[in-house]
């Protein structure tokens, strides 16, 4: 008998096709953009703000200024305004992707990923740079709503946790890419290349999105079960058994046996096109049972406010908001966005290099821990992560305050590694598993709105709060306290979703879920 790890590996290979991998990769460049824009100003901060100049001279073109004079407060605004754009994008993306589809939403978000970086690259003043960051944020906010939904819906059922971690993995790839480019290009006006790179990637992603399909689950729930099954077959391979996955769509198969892949028409001379036409006609008929079933299974989306007010969905919304707030208010973006400045006093010659190492560790740990939520559960991963970050926050505060370089460096690495275990990838998975498909978009919007607001709070006020507390790492005691509070609440309120068939089972509800009429 093969060991469990080999068995899991063979299962992964069996369930994964080249077409699925390509589709996942193209979609995942949305979260990549989020991570990239989050970290793009970290390394070149001092050069962009005219605080210092590089010794070597390297110019893109004489018409591009070397820097944009701005105060610490102005730079904080430029950094954090990206999250306000993200909030807007998150609020708009959920209802839109439920109504018009995941693919159409992803294609629209590319507009922000091209226009925003273009404005940033050409900016000669603070207002223009801020506008570019805000527009880029709109696309990033939409990406971290629709892409996790899309990935969850096209992933093999027994690998959702693994592939769900792809969102956070690609966020970390984006962060690492920005940090590496910043390490080499933070001089003169070459920092503009860092900003332009995001726009080039946006163009390439749009080309890729012309070659991928919409979510089969969304198509099935909106009246196209035959097309959905064809796409699913292409993603799973010709030898895969689709029965259980298709049944989970809750599409009535009384007129067509979509589970077995055979259309129940007895006439031997009926062509494939005739069969599909008749099947779609039955689907759209006013009295057809499948149309009625589709309406129940999610074609009628639940609005953002309606989901919060409805007792069926409210507990899930509270849960995902709590987890998303914990993800940000435990302080991860104080490292991602300000690590070079934060650690420059403790490690004056190696702060930028440590930031690259931290980003690389975050990526490696997130990738290695990707299967963990499928093995031990979503909730344990989150609780272990919070406990590790809280402990590391105390150690980092002590290291900075007492000037212990090795303690500060190790604590920073442990802080990021702990984040990667659970708080990094799992919140995006939970947002799709705590509610039914009809409320996924609304729940994602609430969760990401909370996440973006918390991200804005940290990015805007961390430098101010750190300075107010003396600038000696004391702010990390506050992060440790926040971690303790969220750890207690999540342990009490948030249910486990691993191995549960649907939201009713997750919340222990009996019978059919009460839904909005």
Protein backbone atom coordinates (compact mmCIF):
# COMPACT_ATOMS: atom_id res chain seq x y z
CA UNK A 1 0.00 0.00 0.00
CA UNK A 2 1.31 3.42 -0.90
CA UNK A 3 1.73 5.94 1.93
CA UNK A 4 -1.00 8.54 2.33
CA UNK A 5 1.13 11.28 0.87
CA UNK A 6 1.71 9.28 -2.34
CA UNK A 7 -1.99 8.45 -2.51
CA UNK A 8 -2.89 12.12 -2.21
CA UNK A 9 -0.33 12.97 -4.88
CA UNK A 10 -1.72 10.37 -7.28
CA UNK A 11 -5.25 11.63 -6.62
CA UNK A 12 -4.11 15.15 -7.43
CA UNK A 13 -2.53 14.02 -10.70
CA UNK A 14 -5.66 12.05 -11.60
CA UNK A 15 -8.00 15.00 -10.99
CA UNK A 16 -5.84 17.65 -12.67
CA UNK A 17 -5.69 18.26 -16.41
CA UNK A 18 -3.51 20.65 -18.37
CA UNK A 19 -6.61 22.64 -19.32
CA UNK A 20 -7.63 22.99 -15.67
CA UNK A 21 -4.12 24.11 -14.69
CA UNK A 22 -4.06 26.70 -17.46
CA UNK A 23 -7.50 28.02 -16.45
CA UNK A 24 -6.50 28.23 -12.78
CA UNK A 25 -3.26 30.03 -13.60
CA UNK A 26 -4.88 32.67 -15.80
CA UNK A 27 -7.55 33.39 -13.19
CA UNK A 28 -5.02 33.49 -10.36
CA UNK A 29 -3.18 36.45 -11.89
CA UNK A 30 -5.99 38.58 -10.45
CA UNK A 31 -4.86 37.90 -6.84
CA UNK A 32 -1.27 38.27 -8.12
CA UNK A 33 -2.10 41.86 -9.02
CA UNK A 34 -3.49 42.45 -5.53
CA UNK A 35 -0.26 41.29 -3.91
CA UNK A 36 1.91 43.13 -6.40
CA UNK A 37 0.21 46.49 -5.91
CA UNK A 38 0.18 45.99 -2.15
CA UNK A 39 3.99 45.77 -2.03
CA UNK A 40 5.10 47.80 -5.04
CA UNK A 41 5.90 50.95 -3.03
CA UNK A 42 7.66 49.27 -0.09
CA UNK A 43 11.24 49.03 -1.36
CA UNK A 44 11.36 52.24 -3.46
CA UNK A 45 9.64 54.41 -0.83
CA UNK A 46 12.71 56.48 -0.02
CA UNK A 47 13.54 57.02 -3.70
CA UNK A 48 9.98 57.85 -4.79
CA UNK A 49 9.56 60.44 -2.02
CA UNK A 50 12.93 62.10 -2.78
CA UNK A 51 14.22 61.10 0.65
CA UNK A 52 17.36 59.69 -0.93
CA UNK A 53 18.86 59.13 -4.35
CA UNK A 54 20.75 56.21 -5.76
CA UNK A 55 24.52 56.56 -6.16
CA UNK A 56 24.33 55.12 -9.66
CA UNK A 57 22.59 57.07 -12.37
CA UNK A 58 19.99 55.15 -14.37
CA UNK A 59 17.27 56.93 -16.28
CA UNK A 60 14.36 55.69 -18.34
CA UNK A 61 13.95 59.00 -20.15
CA UNK A 62 14.79 62.63 -19.31
CA UNK A 63 11.09 63.53 -19.31
CA UNK A 64 10.46 61.26 -16.31
CA UNK A 65 11.22 62.90 -12.98
CA UNK A 66 13.47 61.02 -10.57
CA UNK A 67 11.02 61.34 -7.69
CA UNK A 68 7.80 62.90 -6.42
CA UNK A 69 8.32 65.08 -3.32
CA UNK A 70 5.88 64.09 -0.56
CA UNK A 71 5.66 63.94 3.22
CA UNK A 72 5.27 60.78 5.29
CA UNK A 73 1.55 61.51 5.63
CA UNK A 74 1.14 61.96 1.87
CA UNK A 75 2.97 58.72 1.18
CA UNK A 76 0.73 56.92 3.67
CA UNK A 77 -2.30 58.25 1.78
CA UNK A 78 -0.87 57.17 -1.59
CA UNK A 79 -0.26 53.69 -0.17
CA UNK A 80 -3.61 53.30 1.55
CA UNK A 81 -5.86 54.78 -1.16
CA UNK A 82 -5.28 51.56 -3.07
CA UNK A 83 -7.35 49.79 -0.41
CA UNK A 84 -10.25 52.25 -0.84
CA UNK A 85 -10.37 51.37 -4.52
CA UNK A 86 -10.24 47.73 -3.45
CA UNK A 87 -13.24 48.23 -1.19
CA UNK A 88 -15.25 49.68 -4.07
CA UNK A 89 -14.25 46.83 -6.36
CA UNK A 90 -15.12 44.21 -3.74
CA UNK A 91 -18.59 45.66 -3.15
CA UNK A 92 -19.37 45.79 -6.88
CA UNK A 93 -17.89 42.44 -7.89
CA UNK A 94 -20.01 40.09 -5.77
CA UNK A 95 -23.47 40.91 -7.15
CA UNK A 96 -22.09 41.47 -10.66
CA UNK A 97 -20.36 38.10 -10.90
CA UNK A 98 -23.48 36.33 -9.63
CA UNK A 99 -25.66 38.00 -12.26
CA UNK A 100 -23.37 38.14 -15.29
CA UNK A 101 -20.87 35.37 -14.61
CA UNK A 102 -17.39 34.92 -13.23
CA UNK A 103 -15.60 35.21 -16.57
CA UNK A 104 -17.22 38.49 -17.61
CA UNK A 105 -16.36 40.01 -14.24
CA UNK A 106 -12.70 38.94 -14.53
CA UNK A 107 -12.45 40.45 -18.00
CA UNK A 108 -13.83 43.76 -16.79
CA UNK A 109 -11.40 43.93 -13.86
CA UNK A 110 -8.50 43.87 -16.33
CA UNK A 111 -9.42 47.41 -17.38
CA UNK A 112 -8.32 48.64 -13.96
CA UNK A 113 -5.14 46.55 -14.13
CA UNK A 114 -4.11 48.33 -17.33
CA UNK A 115 -5.32 51.91 -16.82
CA UNK A 116 -4.25 52.18 -13.16
CA UNK A 117 -0.59 51.20 -13.67
CA UNK A 118 -0.37 53.38 -16.78
CA UNK A 119 -1.41 56.45 -14.77
CA UNK A 120 0.97 55.53 -11.94
CA UNK A 121 3.89 55.07 -14.29
CA UNK A 122 3.39 58.48 -15.92
CA UNK A 123 2.49 60.34 -12.70
CA UNK A 124 4.47 63.47 -11.89
CA UNK A 125 2.61 64.49 -8.73
CA UNK A 126 0.87 63.02 -5.70
CA UNK A 127 -2.77 63.43 -6.93
CA UNK A 128 -2.10 61.60 -10.20
CA UNK A 129 -0.19 58.82 -8.44
CA UNK A 130 -3.08 58.48 -6.00
CA UNK A 131 -5.65 58.24 -8.82
CA UNK A 132 -3.64 55.46 -10.44
CA UNK A 133 -3.41 53.56 -7.16
CA UNK A 134 -7.16 53.93 -6.58
CA UNK A 135 -8.03 52.59 -10.06
CA UNK A 136 -5.64 49.67 -9.61
CA UNK A 137 -7.33 48.97 -6.29
CA UNK A 138 -10.75 48.62 -7.95
CA UNK A 139 -9.47 45.74 -10.06
CA UNK A 140 -7.67 44.16 -7.12
CA UNK A 141 -10.80 44.33 -4.98
CA UNK A 142 -12.85 42.66 -7.69
CA UNK A 143 -10.17 40.01 -8.20
CA UNK A 144 -10.11 38.80 -4.60
CA UNK A 145 -13.90 38.44 -4.69
CA UNK A 146 -14.52 36.70 -8.01
CA UNK A 147 -11.34 34.65 -8.42
CA UNK A 148 -11.72 32.60 -5.19
CA UNK A 149 -15.32 31.85 -6.21
CA UNK A 150 -14.22 30.82 -9.69
CA UNK A 151 -11.36 28.65 -8.41
CA UNK A 152 -13.63 26.95 -5.87
CA UNK A 153 -16.23 26.17 -8.55
CA UNK A 154 -13.81 24.67 -11.09
CA UNK A 155 -11.60 22.77 -8.62
CA UNK A 156 -12.07 19.01 -8.08
CA UNK A 157 -14.38 18.51 -5.07
CA UNK A 158 -11.78 16.69 -2.98
CA UNK A 159 -9.05 19.24 -3.76
CA UNK A 160 -10.89 22.50 -3.05
CA UNK A 161 -8.74 23.31 -0.04
CA UNK A 162 -5.53 22.76 -1.98
CA UNK A 163 -6.56 24.77 -5.03
CA UNK A 164 -8.32 27.32 -2.84
CA UNK A 165 -4.92 28.19 -1.40
CA UNK A 166 -3.88 29.27 -4.90
CA UNK A 167 -5.43 32.67 -4.24
CA UNK A 168 -3.09 33.38 -1.34
CA UNK A 169 -0.15 31.71 -3.09
CA UNK A 170 -0.50 34.05 -6.05
CA UNK A 171 -0.93 37.04 -3.75
CA UNK A 172 2.42 36.06 -2.25
CA UNK A 173 3.96 35.59 -5.69
CA UNK A 174 2.84 39.12 -6.50
CA UNK A 175 4.32 40.46 -3.27
CA UNK A 176 7.61 38.65 -3.86
CA UNK A 177 7.81 39.85 -7.46
CA UNK A 178 7.30 43.47 -6.38
CA UNK A 179 9.90 43.14 -3.60
CA UNK A 180 12.50 41.60 -5.92
CA UNK A 181 11.97 44.25 -8.61
CA UNK A 182 12.09 46.90 -5.89
CA UNK A 183 15.40 45.56 -4.61
CA UNK A 184 17.01 46.03 -8.02
CA UNK A 185 15.10 49.01 -9.46
CA UNK A 186 14.79 51.38 -6.48
CA UNK A 187 17.02 54.03 -8.01
CA UNK A 188 16.49 57.24 -9.94
CA UNK A 189 13.38 56.90 -12.12
CA UNK A 190 13.72 53.15 -12.71
CA UNK A 191 11.11 52.67 -9.99
CA UNK A 192 8.58 53.51 -12.68
CA UNK A 193 9.35 50.15 -14.30
CA UNK A 194 8.01 48.50 -11.14
CA UNK A 195 4.70 50.31 -11.61
CA UNK A 196 4.54 49.66 -15.37
CA UNK A 197 5.10 45.92 -14.96
CA UNK A 198 1.64 45.47 -13.45
CA UNK A 199 0.03 46.96 -16.55
CA UNK A 200 1.97 44.64 -18.87
CA UNK A 201 0.85 41.64 -16.80
CA UNK A 202 -2.73 42.91 -17.02
CA UNK A 203 -2.61 42.91 -20.83
CA UNK A 204 -1.22 39.36 -20.87
CA UNK A 205 -3.93 38.19 -18.47
CA UNK A 206 -6.65 39.63 -20.67
CA UNK A 207 -5.31 37.63 -23.61
CA UNK A 208 -5.37 34.54 -21.42
CA UNK A 209 -8.96 35.17 -20.34
CA UNK A 210 -10.08 34.97 -23.97
CA UNK A 211 -9.12 31.28 -23.87
CA UNK A 212 -10.81 30.14 -20.63
CA UNK A 213 -14.50 29.32 -19.96
CA UNK A 214 -16.98 30.53 -17.40
CA UNK A 215 -17.64 28.49 -14.27
CA UNK A 216 -19.53 25.27 -15.13
CA UNK A 217 -21.47 25.54 -11.89
CA UNK A 218 -22.60 29.08 -12.67
CA UNK A 219 -23.61 28.07 -16.20
CA UNK A 220 -25.63 25.11 -14.91
CA UNK A 221 -27.44 27.23 -12.35
CA UNK A 222 -28.29 29.84 -14.98
CA UNK A 223 -29.83 27.59 -17.58
CA UNK A 224 -26.97 25.95 -19.52
CA UNK A 225 -26.41 22.49 -17.99
CA UNK A 226 -25.27 20.86 -21.26
CA UNK A 227 -22.62 23.52 -21.88
CA UNK A 228 -21.60 23.32 -18.22
CA UNK A 229 -21.09 19.58 -18.45
CA UNK A 230 -19.02 19.88 -21.63
CA UNK A 231 -16.70 22.38 -19.94
CA UNK A 232 -16.47 20.24 -16.80
CA UNK A 233 -15.60 17.18 -18.90
CA UNK A 234 -12.80 19.12 -20.57
CA UNK A 235 -11.46 20.22 -17.17
CA UNK A 236 -11.68 16.78 -15.52
CA UNK A 237 -10.63 14.60 -18.44
CA UNK A 238 -12.56 11.99 -20.38
CA UNK A 239 -12.08 9.25 -17.80
CA UNK A 240 -13.37 11.20 -14.79
CA UNK A 241 -16.63 10.35 -13.03
CA UNK A 242 -18.69 13.54 -12.92
CA UNK A 243 -21.80 12.15 -11.23
CA UNK A 244 -21.36 13.53 -7.72
CA UNK A 245 -20.05 16.88 -8.88
CA UNK A 246 -22.92 17.39 -11.33
CA UNK A 247 -25.48 16.35 -8.71
CA UNK A 248 -24.13 19.08 -6.44
CA UNK A 249 -25.31 21.64 -9.01
CA UNK A 250 -28.89 20.78 -7.94
CA UNK A 251 -30.08 20.85 -11.55
CA UNK A 252 -33.10 18.62 -12.12
CA UNK A 253 -32.19 15.74 -14.41
CA UNK A 254 -35.72 14.54 -15.12
CA UNK A 255 -35.51 15.69 -18.73
CA UNK A 256 -31.85 14.96 -19.32
CA UNK A 257 -29.57 12.55 -17.56
CA UNK A 258 -26.71 15.00 -17.24
CA UNK A 259 -25.14 12.96 -14.46
CA UNK A 260 -24.45 10.03 -16.79
CA UNK A 261 -23.85 12.18 -19.83
CA UNK A 262 -26.71 10.66 -21.87
CA UNK A 263 -29.70 12.57 -23.15
CA UNK A 264 -32.90 10.60 -22.64
CA UNK A 265 -34.40 10.77 -26.10
CA UNK A 266 -35.50 7.54 -27.71
CA UNK A 267 -35.71 8.59 -31.36
CA UNK A 268 -32.64 7.10 -33.10
CA UNK A 269 -32.56 9.73 -35.86
CA UNK A 270 -32.44 12.74 -33.53
CA UNK A 271 -29.20 14.68 -34.04
CA UNK A 272 -27.00 16.08 -31.31
CA UNK A 273 -28.06 19.63 -32.15
CA UNK A 274 -31.71 18.61 -32.01
CA UNK A 275 -31.18 17.03 -28.63
CA UNK A 276 -29.47 20.08 -27.24
CA UNK A 277 -32.15 22.37 -28.68
CA UNK A 278 -34.93 20.30 -27.14
CA UNK A 279 -33.08 20.08 -23.85
CA UNK A 280 -32.62 23.86 -23.71
CA UNK A 281 -36.29 24.31 -24.69
CA UNK A 282 -37.36 22.11 -21.81
CA UNK A 283 -35.03 24.05 -19.55
CA UNK A 284 -36.63 27.37 -20.43
CA UNK A 285 -40.25 26.21 -20.56
CA UNK A 286 -42.47 28.08 -18.08
CA UNK A 287 -43.70 24.88 -16.50
CA UNK A 288 -40.43 22.99 -16.68
CA UNK A 289 -39.33 21.45 -13.42
CA UNK A 290 -35.67 22.17 -14.12
CA UNK A 291 -36.24 25.88 -14.44
CA UNK A 292 -37.97 25.81 -11.10
CA UNK A 293 -35.16 23.79 -9.63
CA UNK A 294 -32.55 26.16 -11.04
CA UNK A 295 -34.25 29.07 -9.39
CA UNK A 296 -33.97 27.26 -6.11
CA UNK A 297 -30.38 26.29 -6.65
CA UNK A 298 -28.98 29.75 -6.97
CA UNK A 299 -30.01 31.56 -10.15
CA UNK A 300 -31.77 34.08 -7.90
CA UNK A 301 -28.92 35.84 -6.16
CA UNK A 302 -29.20 37.20 -2.64
CA UNK A 303 -28.31 40.88 -2.31
CA UNK A 304 -25.68 42.26 0.03
CA UNK A 305 -28.09 43.86 2.52
CA UNK A 306 -30.64 41.04 2.21
CA UNK A 307 -27.99 38.46 3.09
CA UNK A 308 -26.98 40.36 6.23
CA UNK A 309 -30.58 40.73 7.38
CA UNK A 310 -31.61 37.16 6.66
CA UNK A 311 -31.18 34.79 9.65
CA UNK A 312 -29.96 31.96 7.42
CA UNK A 313 -26.97 33.87 6.08
CA UNK A 314 -26.18 36.28 8.92
CA UNK A 315 -24.10 33.83 11.03
CA UNK A 316 -21.93 33.06 8.02
CA UNK A 317 -21.42 36.72 7.22
CA UNK A 318 -20.38 37.43 10.82
CA UNK A 319 -17.98 34.48 10.65
CA UNK A 320 -16.25 35.50 7.43
CA UNK A 321 -16.05 39.15 8.51
CA UNK A 322 -14.38 38.07 11.76
CA UNK A 323 -11.86 35.88 9.93
CA UNK A 324 -11.09 38.58 7.36
CA UNK A 325 -10.61 41.22 10.06
CA UNK A 326 -8.31 38.83 11.91
CA UNK A 327 -6.30 38.36 8.73
CA UNK A 328 -5.47 42.07 8.56
CA UNK A 329 -5.67 43.44 12.10
CA UNK A 330 -3.10 40.96 13.39
CA UNK A 331 -0.60 43.09 11.44
CA UNK A 332 0.58 41.22 8.35
CA UNK A 333 0.55 44.33 6.14
CA UNK A 334 2.74 46.23 8.56
CA UNK A 335 5.42 43.84 7.31
CA UNK A 336 4.35 43.69 3.66
CA UNK A 337 4.05 47.46 3.20
CA UNK A 338 6.47 48.98 5.72
CA UNK A 339 9.08 46.33 6.58
CA UNK A 340 11.99 48.20 5.00
CA UNK A 341 11.27 51.36 6.96
CA UNK A 342 10.27 49.45 10.12
CA UNK A 343 13.44 47.36 10.29
CA UNK A 344 15.90 49.95 8.96
CA UNK A 345 16.89 51.06 12.46
CA UNK A 346 17.40 47.49 13.67
CA UNK A 347 18.98 46.21 10.43
CA UNK A 348 20.20 49.31 8.57
CA UNK A 349 22.14 47.45 5.87
CA UNK A 350 19.90 44.45 5.28
CA UNK A 351 16.28 45.57 5.82
CA UNK A 352 15.46 45.48 2.08
CA UNK A 353 17.05 42.06 1.66
CA UNK A 354 15.17 40.75 4.70
CA UNK A 355 11.93 41.98 3.12
CA UNK A 356 12.68 39.88 0.04
CA UNK A 357 13.47 36.89 2.25
CA UNK A 358 10.23 37.40 4.19
CA UNK A 359 8.22 37.48 0.96
CA UNK A 360 9.95 34.33 -0.30
CA UNK A 361 9.29 32.54 2.99
CA UNK A 362 5.65 33.60 2.87
CA UNK A 363 5.31 32.09 -0.60
CA UNK A 364 7.11 28.85 0.31
CA UNK A 365 5.15 28.34 3.53
CA UNK A 366 1.80 29.11 1.88
CA UNK A 367 2.58 26.58 -0.87
CA UNK A 368 3.75 23.89 1.56
CA UNK A 369 0.76 24.43 3.85
CA UNK A 370 -1.78 24.47 1.01
CA UNK A 371 -2.90 20.84 1.63
CA UNK A 372 -3.04 21.37 5.40
CA UNK A 373 -6.60 22.69 5.54
CA UNK A 374 -7.81 19.56 3.73
CA UNK A 375 -5.98 17.36 6.22
CA UNK A 376 -6.65 18.90 9.65
CA UNK A 377 -9.48 21.31 8.81
CA UNK A 378 -9.96 25.00 8.14
CA UNK A 379 -10.58 26.08 11.72
CA UNK A 380 -7.47 24.48 13.29
CA UNK A 381 -5.30 26.11 10.63
CA UNK A 382 -6.71 29.54 11.47
CA UNK A 383 -6.31 29.07 15.24
CA UNK A 384 -2.72 27.80 14.91
CA UNK A 385 -1.97 30.76 12.66
CA UNK A 386 -3.39 33.32 15.10
CA UNK A 387 -1.52 31.77 18.03
CA UNK A 388 1.77 31.87 16.09
CA UNK A 389 1.30 35.46 14.96
CA UNK A 390 0.39 36.62 18.46
CA UNK A 391 3.49 34.98 19.93
CA UNK A 392 5.72 36.31 17.15
CA UNK A 393 4.34 39.83 17.68
CA UNK A 394 5.54 39.78 21.29
CA UNK A 395 8.97 38.49 20.23
CA UNK A 396 9.25 41.12 17.48
CA UNK A 397 8.36 43.89 19.92
CA UNK A 398 11.03 42.67 22.33
CA UNK A 399 13.61 42.37 19.55
CA UNK A 400 13.04 45.90 18.26
CA UNK A 401 12.80 47.49 21.72
CA UNK A 402 15.99 45.89 23.05
CA UNK A 403 17.88 46.08 19.76
CA UNK A 404 18.34 42.29 19.50
CA UNK A 405 18.90 41.87 15.76
CA UNK A 406 18.65 38.09 15.59
CA UNK A 407 15.45 38.05 17.66
CA UNK A 408 13.88 40.74 15.46
CA UNK A 409 14.80 38.91 12.25
CA UNK A 410 13.66 35.49 13.48
CA UNK A 411 10.43 36.90 14.92
CA UNK A 412 9.65 38.58 11.58
CA UNK A 413 10.15 35.30 9.74
CA UNK A 414 8.05 33.37 12.28
CA UNK A 415 5.34 36.02 12.06
CA UNK A 416 5.04 35.59 8.30
CA UNK A 417 5.34 31.79 8.46
CA UNK A 418 2.50 31.64 11.00
CA UNK A 419 0.33 33.79 8.74
CA UNK A 420 0.91 31.40 5.86
CA UNK A 421 -0.33 28.39 7.86
CA UNK A 422 -3.93 29.58 8.08
CA UNK A 423 -4.83 33.26 8.06
CA UNK A 424 -3.34 33.66 4.61
CA UNK A 425 -5.21 31.10 2.48
CA UNK A 426 -8.09 29.79 4.61
CA UNK A 427 -10.34 32.91 4.83
CA UNK A 428 -10.81 32.87 1.05
CA UNK A 429 -11.82 29.20 1.23
CA UNK A 430 -14.26 29.73 4.10
CA UNK A 431 -16.05 32.53 2.29
CA UNK A 432 -17.21 30.04 -0.34
CA UNK A 433 -18.12 27.20 2.03
CA UNK A 434 -20.24 28.84 4.75
CA UNK A 435 -23.21 29.73 2.51
CA UNK A 436 -25.08 28.31 -0.45
CA UNK A 437 -24.22 29.36 -4.02
CA UNK A 438 -27.03 31.93 -4.11
CA UNK A 439 -25.34 33.97 -1.37
CA UNK A 440 -21.67 33.41 -2.16
CA UNK A 441 -21.31 36.72 -4.01
CA UNK A 442 -22.96 38.75 -1.26
CA UNK A 443 -20.98 36.99 1.47
CA UNK A 444 -17.73 37.51 -0.41
CA UNK A 445 -18.54 41.21 -0.76
CA UNK A 446 -19.15 41.60 2.99
CA UNK A 447 -16.01 39.65 3.81
CA UNK A 448 -13.81 41.56 1.42
CA UNK A 449 -15.31 44.91 2.44
CA UNK A 450 -14.27 44.16 6.02
CA UNK A 451 -10.89 42.99 4.79
CA UNK A 452 -10.25 46.11 2.71
CA UNK A 453 -11.35 48.46 5.49
CA UNK A 454 -9.00 46.69 7.89
CA UNK A 455 -6.21 46.82 5.30
CA UNK A 456 -6.79 50.55 4.89
CA UNK A 457 -6.67 51.05 8.66
CA UNK A 458 -3.35 49.23 8.96
CA UNK A 459 -1.75 50.83 5.89
CA UNK A 460 -2.90 54.35 6.77
CA UNK A 461 -2.44 54.41 10.54
CA UNK A 462 0.35 51.94 11.29
CA UNK A 463 3.14 54.51 10.72
CA UNK A 464 1.26 57.08 12.80
CA UNK A 465 0.48 54.66 15.62
CA UNK A 466 4.01 53.27 15.64
CA UNK A 467 5.39 56.80 15.95
CA UNK A 468 2.87 57.74 18.66
CA UNK A 469 3.93 54.73 20.75
CA UNK A 470 7.57 55.66 20.51
CA UNK A 471 8.63 53.77 17.41
CA UNK A 472 10.33 50.96 19.35
CA UNK A 473 8.15 48.06 18.37
CA UNK A 474 5.53 48.61 21.08
CA UNK A 475 2.77 48.58 18.47
CA UNK A 476 3.28 44.82 18.16
CA UNK A 477 2.04 44.31 21.69
CA UNK A 478 -1.24 45.75 20.40
CA UNK A 479 -1.22 43.30 17.49
CA UNK A 480 -0.68 40.45 19.97
CA UNK A 481 -3.70 41.55 22.00
CA UNK A 482 -5.83 41.76 18.84
CA UNK A 483 -4.74 38.22 17.92
CA UNK A 484 -5.85 36.94 21.32
CA UNK A 485 -9.31 38.53 21.00
CA UNK A 486 -9.91 37.18 17.51
CA UNK A 487 -8.60 33.75 18.45
CA UNK A 488 -11.18 33.44 21.23
CA UNK A 489 -14.04 34.68 19.07
CA UNK A 490 -13.23 32.45 16.09
CA UNK A 491 -12.85 29.39 18.32
CA UNK A 492 -16.36 30.07 19.67
CA UNK A 493 -18.26 31.23 16.58
CA UNK A 494 -16.77 29.86 13.35
CA UNK A 495 -17.72 26.27 12.39
CA UNK A 496 -15.55 23.72 10.61
CA UNK A 497 -16.35 23.26 6.91
CA UNK A 498 -13.94 20.46 5.98
CA UNK A 499 -15.78 17.38 4.74
CA UNK A 500 -19.21 19.04 4.84
CA UNK A 501 -21.47 18.66 1.81
CA UNK A 502 -23.19 22.05 1.99
CA UNK A 503 -23.91 25.04 4.21
CA UNK A 504 -26.80 23.25 5.94
CA UNK A 505 -24.44 20.57 7.20
CA UNK A 506 -21.80 23.14 8.15
CA UNK A 507 -24.24 24.96 10.43
CA UNK A 508 -26.05 21.84 11.61
CA UNK A 509 -29.36 22.78 10.04
CA UNK A 510 -31.92 20.06 9.41
CA UNK A 511 -33.91 19.80 6.21
CA UNK A 512 -33.96 22.40 3.50
CA UNK A 513 -32.34 25.74 3.99
CA UNK A 514 -34.74 28.61 4.43
CA UNK A 515 -34.13 30.99 1.56
CA UNK A 516 -35.37 34.26 0.34
CA UNK A 517 -38.45 33.96 -1.82
